[in-house]
Amino acid sequence: MSDTMNIEDYLEQGGVLTSPMNVPARYRGELLRLMGSFVDSELAGSAGFAASINFAPGIKERIAASRITLEKADHAERVLNVMGSFGTDTARYQNQHNWAARAERDADIGTIRTGGDMRLSVFHYPITGWADAVVMNVLMGLATGVQITELTRLSYAPLAEVFREIAPREARHAELGLEGLERIMANNEQREEALESIAYWRPRVAATFGHAGSQRFETQKRLGLRHTPNEDLLAEWNNQLDTRLSTL
């Protein structure tokens, strides 16, 4: 392939790579960064949501929270296994950070990654109760759906396949949240709490889409790791969220 076409041209035109053996250094770096961010976010999300199990008002809700906690950890493991094929020490990696660590509730992190890991900034904020957990799960669940749909088309075939396997379960997490939010919004007292949580989480989840006009997106696009600009993904999430919330 390298004798007939520049590899960036090959990738930008829809070409795929299938093995760590034929991955150029720059591509490898961007791919590992992308996987690291996903793994760290899933581990931090799982750890943060685990505490919400005891906020649950009933058995059905406890089961839903437990399922989300379990499956997010499983999704992290699946992507971490792909990282392992690139030489990552997976046993060390998964234990090198405190995934349950959180900032102060009123902190304003923006899009900055803090604490030494690569989790999305939204996973640095604490959850304060059941309604808050449900709202966060709905908003971030819909965002994850938009973001994973983008990742199912990336140019490293083994990882794209993992994301295609993960996508339906992540979508189900958002649906479980929406079912819970519907019950919460039917209760006048909890409704006010939920509205406050929506106002709190919406800008923090929006920040996970990154900056408009991102240079990193342009780099990843040339490598076939991304296709849709951050601002377009954000607009899609806003449309989905507004549609969902309007039914409540």
C-alpha atoms as a PDB file:
ATOM      1  CA  MET A   1       0.000   0.000   0.000  1.00  0.00           C
ATOM      2  CA  SER A   2       2.759   2.457   0.899  1.00  0.00           C
ATOM      3  CA  ASP A   3       4.271   2.000  -2.594  1.00  0.00           C
ATOM      4  CA  THR A   4       1.130   3.257  -4.332  1.00  0.00           C
ATOM      5  CA  MET A   5      -0.635   5.615  -1.921  1.00  0.00           C
ATOM      6  CA  ASN A   6       0.287   7.770   1.041  1.00  0.00           C
ATOM      7  CA  ILE A   7      -1.186   6.113   4.144  1.00  0.00           C
ATOM      8  CA  GLU A   8      -3.025   9.272   5.249  1.00  0.00           C
ATOM      9  CA  ASP A   9      -4.658   9.470   1.813  1.00  0.00           C
ATOM     10  CA  TYR A  10      -5.602   5.797   2.118  1.00  0.00           C
ATOM     11  CA  LEU A  11      -7.152   6.331   5.562  1.00  0.00           C
ATOM     12  CA  GLU A  12      -8.873   9.599   4.680  1.00  0.00           C
ATOM     13  CA  GLN A  13     -10.511   7.894   1.707  1.00  0.00           C
ATOM     14  CA  GLY A  14     -12.002   5.162   3.909  1.00  0.00           C
ATOM     15  CA  GLY A  15      -9.159   2.671   4.152  1.00  0.00           C
ATOM     16  CA  VAL A  16      -8.892   0.517   7.271  1.00  0.00           C
ATOM     17  CA  LEU A  17      -6.078  -1.013   9.276  1.00  0.00           C
ATOM     18  CA  THR A  18      -6.433  -4.386  10.968  1.00  0.00           C
ATOM     19  CA  SER A  19      -3.288  -5.037  13.002  1.00  0.00           C
ATOM     20  CA  PRO A  20      -0.852  -3.166  15.266  1.00  0.00           C
ATOM     21  CA  MET A  21       1.885  -4.379  12.925  1.00  0.00           C
ATOM     22  CA  ASN A  22       0.927  -1.979  10.110  1.00  0.00           C
ATOM     23  CA  VAL A  23       0.019   1.094  12.182  1.00  0.00           C
ATOM     24  CA  PRO A  24       2.250   4.187  11.732  1.00  0.00           C
ATOM     25  CA  ALA A  25       3.556   5.973  14.832  1.00  0.00           C
ATOM     26  CA  ARG A  26       1.314   9.053  14.579  1.00  0.00           C
ATOM     27  CA  TYR A  27      -1.771   6.920  14.005  1.00  0.00           C
ATOM     28  CA  ARG A  28      -0.819   4.700  16.944  1.00  0.00           C
ATOM     29  CA  GLY A  29      -0.504   7.722  19.235  1.00  0.00           C
ATOM     30  CA  GLU A  30      -3.907   9.150  18.289  1.00  0.00           C
ATOM     31  CA  LEU A  31      -5.562   5.731  18.491  1.00  0.00           C
ATOM     32  CA  LEU A  32      -4.153   5.013  21.953  1.00  0.00           C
ATOM     33  CA  ARG A  33      -5.205   8.464  23.143  1.00  0.00           C
ATOM     34  CA  LEU A  34      -8.736   7.861  21.881  1.00  0.00           C
ATOM     35  CA  MET A  35      -8.906   4.432  23.543  1.00  0.00           C
ATOM     36  CA  GLY A  36      -7.406   5.735  26.778  1.00  0.00           C
ATOM     37  CA  SER A  37     -10.010   8.469  27.028  1.00  0.00           C
ATOM     38  CA  PHE A  38     -12.815   5.964  26.493  1.00  0.00           C
ATOM     39  CA  VAL A  39     -11.461   3.415  28.982  1.00  0.00           C
ATOM     40  CA  ASP A  40     -10.821   6.033  31.670  1.00  0.00           C
ATOM     41  CA  SER A  41     -14.266   7.566  31.171  1.00  0.00           C
ATOM     42  CA  GLU A  42     -16.010   4.189  31.404  1.00  0.00           C
ATOM     43  CA  LEU A  43     -14.082   3.200  34.523  1.00  0.00           C
ATOM     44  CA  ALA A  44     -14.741   6.574  36.150  1.00  0.00           C
ATOM     45  CA  GLY A  45     -18.391   6.437  35.075  1.00  0.00           C
ATOM     46  CA  SER A  46     -18.793   2.942  36.497  1.00  0.00           C
ATOM     47  CA  ALA A  47     -17.116   3.904  39.772  1.00  0.00           C
ATOM     48  CA  GLY A  48     -19.203   7.043  40.121  1.00  0.00           C
ATOM     49  CA  PHE A  49     -22.468   5.312  39.323  1.00  0.00           C
ATOM     50  CA  ALA A  50     -21.739   2.457  41.728  1.00  0.00           C
ATOM     51  CA  ALA A  51     -22.389   4.812  44.627  1.00  0.00           C
ATOM     52  CA  SER A  52     -25.797   5.614  43.127  1.00  0.00           C
ATOM     53  CA  ILE A  53     -27.009   2.045  43.654  1.00  0.00           C
ATOM     54  CA  ASN A  54     -27.702   2.900  47.290  1.00  0.00           C
ATOM     55  CA  PHE A  55     -29.614   6.038  46.271  1.00  0.00           C
ATOM     56  CA  ALA A  56     -32.106   3.890  44.347  1.00  0.00           C
ATOM     57  CA  PRO A  57     -35.684   4.059  45.682  1.00  0.00           C
ATOM     58  CA  GLY A  58     -36.624   0.487  44.761  1.00  0.00           C
ATOM     59  CA  ILE A  59     -35.402  -2.898  43.567  1.00  0.00           C
ATOM     60  CA  LYS A  60     -36.032  -2.168  39.882  1.00  0.00           C
ATOM     61  CA  GLU A  61     -33.941   0.984  40.115  1.00  0.00           C
ATOM     62  CA  ARG A  62     -31.181  -0.837  42.026  1.00  0.00           C
ATOM     63  CA  ILE A  63     -31.014  -3.462  39.286  1.00  0.00           C
ATOM     64  CA  ALA A  64     -30.788  -0.779  36.580  1.00  0.00           C
ATOM     65  CA  ALA A  65     -28.001   1.068  38.410  1.00  0.00           C
ATOM     66  CA  SER A  66     -26.141  -2.195  39.018  1.00  0.00           C
ATOM     67  CA  ARG A  67     -26.425  -3.159  35.365  1.00  0.00           C
ATOM     68  CA  ILE A  68     -25.040   0.179  34.202  1.00  0.00           C
ATOM     69  CA  THR A  69     -22.178  -0.065  36.700  1.00  0.00           C
ATOM     70  CA  LEU A  70     -21.289  -3.587  35.538  1.00  0.00           C
ATOM     71  CA  GLU A  71     -21.574  -2.990  31.814  1.00  0.00           C
ATOM     72  CA  LYS A  72     -19.528   0.203  31.809  1.00  0.00           C
ATOM     73  CA  ALA A  73     -16.689  -1.685  33.492  1.00  0.00           C
ATOM     74  CA  ASP A  74     -17.083  -4.442  30.907  1.00  0.00           C
ATOM     75  CA  HIS A  75     -16.940  -1.934  28.052  1.00  0.00           C
ATOM     76  CA  ALA A  76     -13.750  -0.473  29.510  1.00  0.00           C
ATOM     77  CA  GLU A  77     -12.220  -3.954  29.634  1.00  0.00           C
ATOM     78  CA  ARG A  78     -13.099  -4.663  25.993  1.00  0.00           C
ATOM     79  CA  VAL A  79     -11.368  -1.535  24.737  1.00  0.00           C
ATOM     80  CA  LEU A  80      -8.476  -2.032  27.158  1.00  0.00           C
ATOM     81  CA  ASN A  81      -7.910  -5.455  25.602  1.00  0.00           C
ATOM     82  CA  VAL A  82      -7.425  -3.732  22.235  1.00  0.00           C
ATOM     83  CA  MET A  83      -4.915  -1.414  23.916  1.00  0.00           C
ATOM     84  CA  GLY A  84      -3.178  -4.544  25.193  1.00  0.00           C
ATOM     85  CA  SER A  85      -2.535  -5.636  21.612  1.00  0.00           C
ATOM     86  CA  PHE A  86      -0.432  -2.457  21.271  1.00  0.00           C
ATOM     87  CA  GLY A  87       1.674  -3.392  24.298  1.00  0.00           C
ATOM     88  CA  THR A  88      -0.268  -1.650  27.077  1.00  0.00           C
ATOM     89  CA  ASP A  89       0.150  -3.359  30.462  1.00  0.00           C
ATOM     90  CA  THR A  90      -3.580  -3.858  31.014  1.00  0.00           C
ATOM     91  CA  ALA A  91      -3.305  -5.134  34.602  1.00  0.00           C
ATOM     92  CA  ARG A  92      -1.316  -2.085  35.681  1.00  0.00           C
ATOM     93  CA  TYR A  93      -3.381   0.346  33.632  1.00  0.00           C
ATOM     94  CA  GLN A  94      -6.728  -0.432  35.225  1.00  0.00           C
ATOM     95  CA  ASN A  95      -5.416   0.111  38.755  1.00  0.00           C
ATOM     96  CA  GLN A  96      -3.238   3.196  38.358  1.00  0.00           C
ATOM     97  CA  HIS A  97      -5.906   5.798  39.202  1.00  0.00           C
ATOM     98  CA  ASN A  98      -8.661   6.360  41.735  1.00  0.00           C
ATOM     99  CA  TRP A  99     -11.630   6.103  39.364  1.00  0.00           C
ATOM    100  CA  ALA A 100     -14.070   7.159  42.082  1.00  0.00           C
ATOM    101  CA  ALA A 101     -12.234  10.446  42.781  1.00  0.00           C
ATOM    102  CA  ARG A 102     -14.346  13.548  42.215  1.00  0.00           C
ATOM    103  CA  ALA A 103     -13.896  17.324  42.304  1.00  0.00           C
ATOM    104  CA  GLU A 104     -16.079  19.695  44.276  1.00  0.00           C
ATOM    105  CA  ARG A 105     -19.666  19.931  43.050  1.00  0.00           C
ATOM    106  CA  ASP A 106     -19.349  23.614  42.140  1.00  0.00           C
ATOM    107  CA  ALA A 107     -15.971  23.263  40.405  1.00  0.00           C
ATOM    108  CA  ASP A 108     -15.765  24.596  36.857  1.00  0.00           C
ATOM    109  CA  ILE A 109     -13.387  22.285  35.003  1.00  0.00           C
ATOM    110  CA  GLY A 110     -14.612  23.026  31.487  1.00  0.00           C
ATOM    111  CA  THR A 111     -12.962  20.610  29.059  1.00  0.00           C
ATOM    112  CA  ILE A 112      -9.756  20.233  31.081  1.00  0.00           C
ATOM    113  CA  ARG A 113      -8.625  16.728  32.010  1.00  0.00           C
ATOM    114  CA  THR A 114      -7.320  16.715  35.574  1.00  0.00           C
ATOM    115  CA  GLY A 115      -6.127  14.163  38.107  1.00  0.00           C
ATOM    116  CA  GLY A 116      -3.655  12.385  35.846  1.00  0.00           C
ATOM    117  CA  ASP A 117      -6.087  10.200  33.912  1.00  0.00           C
ATOM    118  CA  MET A 118      -7.849  10.815  30.596  1.00  0.00           C
ATOM    119  CA  ARG A 119     -11.493  10.658  31.630  1.00  0.00           C
ATOM    120  CA  LEU A 120     -13.822  13.218  30.090  1.00  0.00           C
ATOM    121  CA  SER A 121     -14.198  16.236  32.355  1.00  0.00           C
ATOM    122  CA  VAL A 122     -17.835  15.436  33.207  1.00  0.00           C
ATOM    123  CA  PHE A 123     -16.689  12.363  35.154  1.00  0.00           C
ATOM    124  CA  HIS A 124     -14.858  14.563  37.649  1.00  0.00           C
ATOM    125  CA  TYR A 125     -18.147  15.881  39.071  1.00  0.00           C
ATOM    126  CA  PRO A 126     -19.949  14.092  41.943  1.00  0.00           C
ATOM    127  CA  ILE A 127     -23.483  12.698  41.876  1.00  0.00           C
ATOM    128  CA  THR A 128     -25.566  13.836  44.842  1.00  0.00           C
ATOM    129  CA  GLY A 129     -28.709  11.690  44.864  1.00  0.00           C
ATOM    130  CA  TRP A 130     -31.017   9.455  42.856  1.00  0.00           C
ATOM    131  CA  ALA A 131     -32.654  12.143  40.707  1.00  0.00           C
ATOM    132  CA  ASP A 132     -29.219  13.627  40.030  1.00  0.00           C
ATOM    133  CA  ALA A 133     -27.878  10.193  39.029  1.00  0.00           C
ATOM    134  CA  VAL A 134     -30.767   9.574  36.656  1.00  0.00           C
ATOM    135  CA  VAL A 135     -30.433  12.981  35.005  1.00  0.00           C
ATOM    136  CA  MET A 136     -26.675  12.577  34.584  1.00  0.00           C
ATOM    137  CA  ASN A 137     -27.192   9.119  33.102  1.00  0.00           C
ATOM    138  CA  VAL A 138     -29.778  10.388  30.611  1.00  0.00           C
ATOM    139  CA  LEU A 139     -27.731  13.367  29.427  1.00  0.00           C
ATOM    140  CA  MET A 140     -24.423  11.530  29.267  1.00  0.00           C
ATOM    141  CA  GLY A 141     -26.064   8.382  27.919  1.00  0.00           C
ATOM    142  CA  LEU A 142     -27.444  10.272  24.925  1.00  0.00           C
ATOM    143  CA  ALA A 143     -24.058  11.951  24.428  1.00  0.00           C
ATOM    144  CA  THR A 144     -22.305   8.584  24.539  1.00  0.00           C
ATOM    145  CA  GLY A 145     -24.703   7.292  21.912  1.00  0.00           C
ATOM    146  CA  VAL A 146     -23.816  10.129  19.559  1.00  0.00           C
ATOM    147  CA  GLN A 147     -20.096   9.748  20.220  1.00  0.00           C
ATOM    148  CA  ILE A 148     -20.021   5.947  19.877  1.00  0.00           C
ATOM    149  CA  THR A 149     -21.930   6.089  16.598  1.00  0.00           C
ATOM    150  CA  GLU A 150     -19.035   8.184  15.325  1.00  0.00           C
ATOM    151  CA  LEU A 151     -16.494   5.679  16.667  1.00  0.00           C
ATOM    152  CA  THR A 152     -18.127   2.659  15.033  1.00  0.00           C
ATOM    153  CA  ARG A 153     -16.819   4.019  11.713  1.00  0.00           C
ATOM    154  CA  LEU A 154     -13.197   4.586  12.692  1.00  0.00           C
ATOM    155  CA  SER A 155     -10.416   3.153  10.564  1.00  0.00           C
ATOM    156  CA  TYR A 156      -8.926   0.625  13.002  1.00  0.00           C
ATOM    157  CA  ALA A 157     -11.200  -2.333  12.293  1.00  0.00           C
ATOM    158  CA  PRO A 158     -10.765  -4.346  15.547  1.00  0.00           C
ATOM    159  CA  LEU A 159     -11.683  -1.292  17.659  1.00  0.00           C
ATOM    160  CA  ALA A 160     -14.578  -0.297  15.401  1.00  0.00           C
ATOM    161  CA  GLU A 161     -16.005  -3.789  15.871  1.00  0.00           C
ATOM    162  CA  VAL A 162     -15.769  -3.464  19.676  1.00  0.00           C
ATOM    163  CA  PHE A 163     -17.646  -0.161  19.527  1.00  0.00           C
ATOM    164  CA  ARG A 164     -20.344  -1.740  17.352  1.00  0.00           C
ATOM    165  CA  GLU A 165     -20.790  -4.421  20.025  1.00  0.00           C
ATOM    166  CA  ILE A 166     -20.886  -1.846  22.825  1.00  0.00           C
ATOM    167  CA  ALA A 167     -23.242   0.640  21.163  1.00  0.00           C
ATOM    168  CA  PRO A 168     -26.585  -1.184  21.803  1.00  0.00           C
ATOM    169  CA  ARG A 169     -25.826  -1.631  25.497  1.00  0.00           C
ATOM    170  CA  GLU A 170     -24.836   2.006  25.916  1.00  0.00           C
ATOM    171  CA  ALA A 171     -28.096   2.956  24.186  1.00  0.00           C
ATOM    172  CA  ARG A 172     -29.977   0.771  26.661  1.00  0.00           C
ATOM    173  CA  HIS A 173     -28.329   2.625  29.542  1.00  0.00           C
ATOM    174  CA  ALA A 174     -29.812   5.868  28.254  1.00  0.00           C
ATOM    175  CA  GLU A 175     -33.223   4.212  27.859  1.00  0.00           C
ATOM    176  CA  LEU A 176     -33.110   2.951  31.453  1.00  0.00           C
ATOM    177  CA  GLY A 177     -32.334   6.504  32.525  1.00  0.00           C
ATOM    178  CA  LEU A 178     -35.230   7.909  30.523  1.00  0.00           C
ATOM    179  CA  GLU A 179     -37.603   5.401  32.113  1.00  0.00           C
ATOM    180  CA  GLY A 180     -36.410   6.518  35.535  1.00  0.00           C
ATOM    181  CA  LEU A 181     -36.612  10.188  34.639  1.00  0.00           C
ATOM    182  CA  GLU A 182     -40.199   9.784  33.471  1.00  0.00           C
ATOM    183  CA  ARG A 183     -41.148   8.455  36.905  1.00  0.00           C
ATOM    184  CA  ILE A 184     -39.243  11.247  38.631  1.00  0.00           C
ATOM    185  CA  MET A 185     -40.864  13.981  36.552  1.00  0.00           C
ATOM    186  CA  ALA A 186     -44.301  12.685  37.480  1.00  0.00           C
ATOM    187  CA  ASN A 187     -43.526  13.529  41.129  1.00  0.00           C
ATOM    188  CA  ASN A 188     -43.803  17.270  41.794  1.00  0.00           C
ATOM    189  CA  GLU A 189     -41.167  17.335  44.529  1.00  0.00           C
ATOM    190  CA  GLN A 190     -38.658  15.249  42.569  1.00  0.00           C
ATOM    191  CA  ARG A 191     -39.435  17.156  39.379  1.00  0.00           C
ATOM    192  CA  GLU A 192     -37.925  20.361  40.755  1.00  0.00           C
ATOM    193  CA  GLU A 193     -34.810  18.474  41.826  1.00  0.00           C
ATOM    194  CA  ALA A 194     -34.536  16.913  38.362  1.00  0.00           C
ATOM    195  CA  LEU A 195     -34.879  20.294  36.632  1.00  0.00           C
ATOM    196  CA  GLU A 196     -32.065  21.661  38.768  1.00  0.00           C
ATOM    197  CA  SER A 197     -29.923  18.653  37.858  1.00  0.00           C
ATOM    198  CA  ILE A 198     -30.629  19.132  34.154  1.00  0.00           C
ATOM    199  CA  ALA A 199     -29.439  22.736  34.422  1.00  0.00           C
ATOM    200  CA  TYR A 200     -26.325  21.527  36.288  1.00  0.00           C
ATOM    201  CA  TRP A 201     -25.326  18.637  34.008  1.00  0.00           C
ATOM    202  CA  ARG A 202     -26.228  19.985  30.568  1.00  0.00           C
ATOM    203  CA  PRO A 203     -23.261  22.363  30.121  1.00  0.00           C
ATOM    204  CA  ARG A 204     -20.904  19.810  31.681  1.00  0.00           C
ATOM    205  CA  VAL A 205     -21.988  17.071  29.294  1.00  0.00           C
ATOM    206  CA  ALA A 206     -21.857  19.530  26.375  1.00  0.00           C
ATOM    207  CA  ALA A 207     -18.201  20.153  27.218  1.00  0.00           C
ATOM    208  CA  THR A 208     -17.402  16.487  26.471  1.00  0.00           C
ATOM    209  CA  PHE A 209     -17.827  17.187  22.752  1.00  0.00           C
ATOM    210  CA  GLY A 210     -14.762  19.441  22.748  1.00  0.00           C
ATOM    211  CA  HIS A 211     -14.152  22.728  20.982  1.00  0.00           C
ATOM    212  CA  ALA A 212     -15.529  23.846  17.632  1.00  0.00           C
ATOM    213  CA  GLY A 213     -12.872  24.023  14.930  1.00  0.00           C
ATOM    214  CA  SER A 214     -10.672  21.521  16.782  1.00  0.00           C
ATOM    215  CA  GLN A 215      -7.248  20.891  15.272  1.00  0.00           C
ATOM    216  CA  ARG A 216      -7.180  17.441  16.864  1.00  0.00           C
ATOM    217  CA  PHE A 217     -10.366  16.597  14.968  1.00  0.00           C
ATOM    218  CA  GLU A 218      -8.671  17.586  11.707  1.00  0.00           C
ATOM    219  CA  THR A 219      -5.745  15.313  12.521  1.00  0.00           C
ATOM    220  CA  GLN A 220      -8.016  12.428  13.444  1.00  0.00           C
ATOM    221  CA  LYS A 221     -10.106  12.981  10.315  1.00  0.00           C
ATOM    222  CA  ARG A 222      -7.026  12.622   8.116  1.00  0.00           C
ATOM    223  CA  LEU A 223      -6.300   9.333   9.884  1.00  0.00           C
ATOM    224  CA  GLY A 224      -9.842   8.039   9.495  1.00  0.00           C
ATOM    225  CA  LEU A 225     -10.405   8.050  13.265  1.00  0.00           C
ATOM    226  CA  ARG A 226     -13.113  10.728  13.119  1.00  0.00           C
ATOM    227  CA  HIS A 227     -15.566  11.897  10.481  1.00  0.00           C
ATOM    228  CA  THR A 228     -17.975  14.415  12.033  1.00  0.00           C
ATOM    229  CA  PRO A 229     -16.824  17.750  13.559  1.00  0.00           C
ATOM    230  CA  ASN A 230     -17.328  18.327  17.281  1.00  0.00           C
ATOM    231  CA  GLU A 231     -19.877  21.081  16.729  1.00  0.00           C
ATOM    232  CA  ASP A 232     -22.030  18.806  14.541  1.00  0.00           C
ATOM    233  CA  LEU A 233     -21.985  16.030  17.136  1.00  0.00           C
ATOM    234  CA  LEU A 234     -22.924  18.572  19.805  1.00  0.00           C
ATOM    235  CA  ALA A 235     -25.830  19.826  17.686  1.00  0.00           C
ATOM    236  CA  GLU A 236     -27.069  16.255  17.198  1.00  0.00           C
ATOM    237  CA  TRP A 237     -26.951  15.644  20.956  1.00  0.00           C
ATOM    238  CA  ASN A 238     -28.809  18.883  21.678  1.00  0.00           C
ATOM    239  CA  ASN A 239     -31.518  17.915  19.190  1.00  0.00           C
ATOM    240  CA  GLN A 240     -31.911  14.444  20.675  1.00  0.00           C
ATOM    241  CA  LEU A 241     -31.963  15.780  24.221  1.00  0.00           C
ATOM    242  CA  ASP A 242     -34.513  18.504  23.493  1.00  0.00           C
ATOM    243  CA  THR A 243     -36.756  15.954  21.785  1.00  0.00           C
ATOM    244  CA  ARG A 244     -36.561  13.559  24.718  1.00  0.00           C
ATOM    245  CA  LEU A 245     -37.089  16.219  27.365  1.00  0.00           C
ATOM    246  CA  SER A 246     -40.036  17.743  25.540  1.00  0.00           C
ATOM    247  CA  THR A 247     -41.952  14.453  25.909  1.00  0.00           C
ATOM    248  CA  LEU A 248     -41.559  14.744  29.694  1.00  0.00           C
END
